[in-house]
Amino acid sequence: MDEKAMVNDILENTKASLTIYQGVISEAENPQLRQTVQDIRNNCEGFQYQLFKLAQNKGYYQPAEK
């Protein structure tokens, strides 16, 4: 697998993870758990954005077709 394919795969998997985190946050009853998952989600969003910008700069990012 080349670097471009790996970056795009990580971007897609990170987006899927963000969706899962949001579901957990909306259903969490425990405030500490909710905050912890929010923190994880926020870090994940930051990572995703940094990787997205890197992919854009290298010409790697190709949005999924609809």
C-alpha atoms as a PDB file:
ATOM      1  CA  MET A   1       0.000   0.000   0.000  1.00  0.00           C
ATOM      2  CA  ASP A   2       1.465   3.367  -0.966  1.00  0.00           C
ATOM      3  CA  GLU A   3       1.503   6.458   1.232  1.00  0.00           C
ATOM      4  CA  LYS A   4      -1.429   8.108  -0.549  1.00  0.00           C
ATOM      5  CA  ALA A   5      -3.657   5.062  -0.049  1.00  0.00           C
ATOM      6  CA  MET A   6      -2.657   4.818   3.613  1.00  0.00           C
ATOM      7  CA  VAL A   7      -3.413   8.492   4.276  1.00  0.00           C
ATOM      8  CA  ASN A   8      -6.817   8.272   2.593  1.00  0.00           C
ATOM      9  CA  ASP A   9      -7.606   5.051   4.490  1.00  0.00           C
ATOM     10  CA  ILE A  10      -6.709   6.683   7.810  1.00  0.00           C
ATOM     11  CA  LEU A  11      -8.857   9.726   6.959  1.00  0.00           C
ATOM     12  CA  GLU A  12     -11.871   7.545   6.181  1.00  0.00           C
ATOM     13  CA  ASN A  13     -11.417   5.439   9.329  1.00  0.00           C
ATOM     14  CA  THR A  14     -11.011   8.555  11.460  1.00  0.00           C
ATOM     15  CA  LYS A  15     -14.268   9.966  10.092  1.00  0.00           C
ATOM     16  CA  ALA A  16     -16.012   6.719  11.002  1.00  0.00           C
ATOM     17  CA  SER A  17     -14.541   6.867  14.513  1.00  0.00           C
ATOM     18  CA  LEU A  18     -15.826  10.418  14.962  1.00  0.00           C
ATOM     19  CA  THR A  19     -19.339   9.216  14.148  1.00  0.00           C
ATOM     20  CA  ILE A  20     -19.057   6.454  16.739  1.00  0.00           C
ATOM     21  CA  TYR A  21     -17.747   8.841  19.391  1.00  0.00           C
ATOM     22  CA  GLN A  22     -20.680  11.170  18.772  1.00  0.00           C
ATOM     23  CA  GLY A  23     -23.108   8.301  19.305  1.00  0.00           C
ATOM     24  CA  VAL A  24     -21.432   7.328  22.569  1.00  0.00           C
ATOM     25  CA  ILE A  25     -21.461  10.940  23.790  1.00  0.00           C
ATOM     26  CA  SER A  26     -25.153  11.370  23.080  1.00  0.00           C
ATOM     27  CA  GLU A  27     -26.009   8.194  25.014  1.00  0.00           C
ATOM     28  CA  ALA A  28     -23.580   8.475  27.939  1.00  0.00           C
ATOM     29  CA  GLU A  29     -25.283   8.913  31.300  1.00  0.00           C
ATOM     30  CA  ASN A  30     -22.108   9.152  33.341  1.00  0.00           C
ATOM     31  CA  PRO A  31     -20.726  12.731  33.195  1.00  0.00           C
ATOM     32  CA  GLN A  32     -17.096  11.629  33.577  1.00  0.00           C
ATOM     33  CA  LEU A  33     -17.422   9.079  30.782  1.00  0.00           C
ATOM     34  CA  ARG A  34     -19.153  11.642  28.592  1.00  0.00           C
ATOM     35  CA  GLN A  35     -16.355  14.181  29.173  1.00  0.00           C
ATOM     36  CA  THR A  36     -13.649  11.599  28.542  1.00  0.00           C
ATOM     37  CA  VAL A  37     -15.199  10.568  25.229  1.00  0.00           C
ATOM     38  CA  GLN A  38     -15.650  14.237  24.282  1.00  0.00           C
ATOM     39  CA  ASP A  39     -11.949  14.799  24.950  1.00  0.00           C
ATOM     40  CA  ILE A  40     -11.049  11.769  22.826  1.00  0.00           C
ATOM     41  CA  ARG A  41     -13.341  13.017  20.050  1.00  0.00           C
ATOM     42  CA  ASN A  42     -11.795  16.488  20.165  1.00  0.00           C
ATOM     43  CA  ASN A  43      -8.288  15.029  19.881  1.00  0.00           C
ATOM     44  CA  CYS A  44      -9.430  12.794  17.044  1.00  0.00           C
ATOM     45  CA  GLU A  45     -10.921  15.793  15.206  1.00  0.00           C
ATOM     46  CA  GLY A  46      -7.660  17.686  15.593  1.00  0.00           C
ATOM     47  CA  PHE A  47      -5.678  14.723  14.250  1.00  0.00           C
ATOM     48  CA  GLN A  48      -8.093  14.292  11.352  1.00  0.00           C
ATOM     49  CA  TYR A  49      -7.810  17.955  10.389  1.00  0.00           C
ATOM     50  CA  GLN A  50      -3.992  17.925  10.536  1.00  0.00           C
ATOM     51  CA  LEU A  51      -3.870  14.793   8.390  1.00  0.00           C
ATOM     52  CA  PHE A  52      -6.430  16.269   5.996  1.00  0.00           C
ATOM     53  CA  LYS A  53      -4.291  19.406   5.539  1.00  0.00           C
ATOM     54  CA  LEU A  54      -1.190  17.252   4.964  1.00  0.00           C
ATOM     55  CA  ALA A  55      -3.070  15.155   2.408  1.00  0.00           C
ATOM     56  CA  GLN A  56      -4.305  18.284   0.652  1.00  0.00           C
ATOM     57  CA  ASN A  57      -0.804  19.744   0.484  1.00  0.00           C
ATOM     58  CA  LYS A  58       0.541  16.518  -1.009  1.00  0.00           C
ATOM     59  CA  GLY A  59      -2.383  16.182  -3.416  1.00  0.00           C
ATOM     60  CA  TYR A  60      -3.458  12.923  -1.751  1.00  0.00           C
ATOM     61  CA  TYR A  61      -6.928  13.774  -0.575  1.00  0.00           C
ATOM     62  CA  GLN A  62      -9.715  12.602  -2.823  1.00  0.00           C
ATOM     63  CA  PRO A  63     -13.212  13.052  -1.405  1.00  0.00           C
ATOM     64  CA  ALA A  64     -15.398   9.960  -1.524  1.00  0.00           C
ATOM     65  CA  GLU A  65     -17.751   9.887  -4.461  1.00  0.00           C
ATOM     66  CA  LYS A  66     -21.441  10.284  -3.729  1.00  0.00           C
END
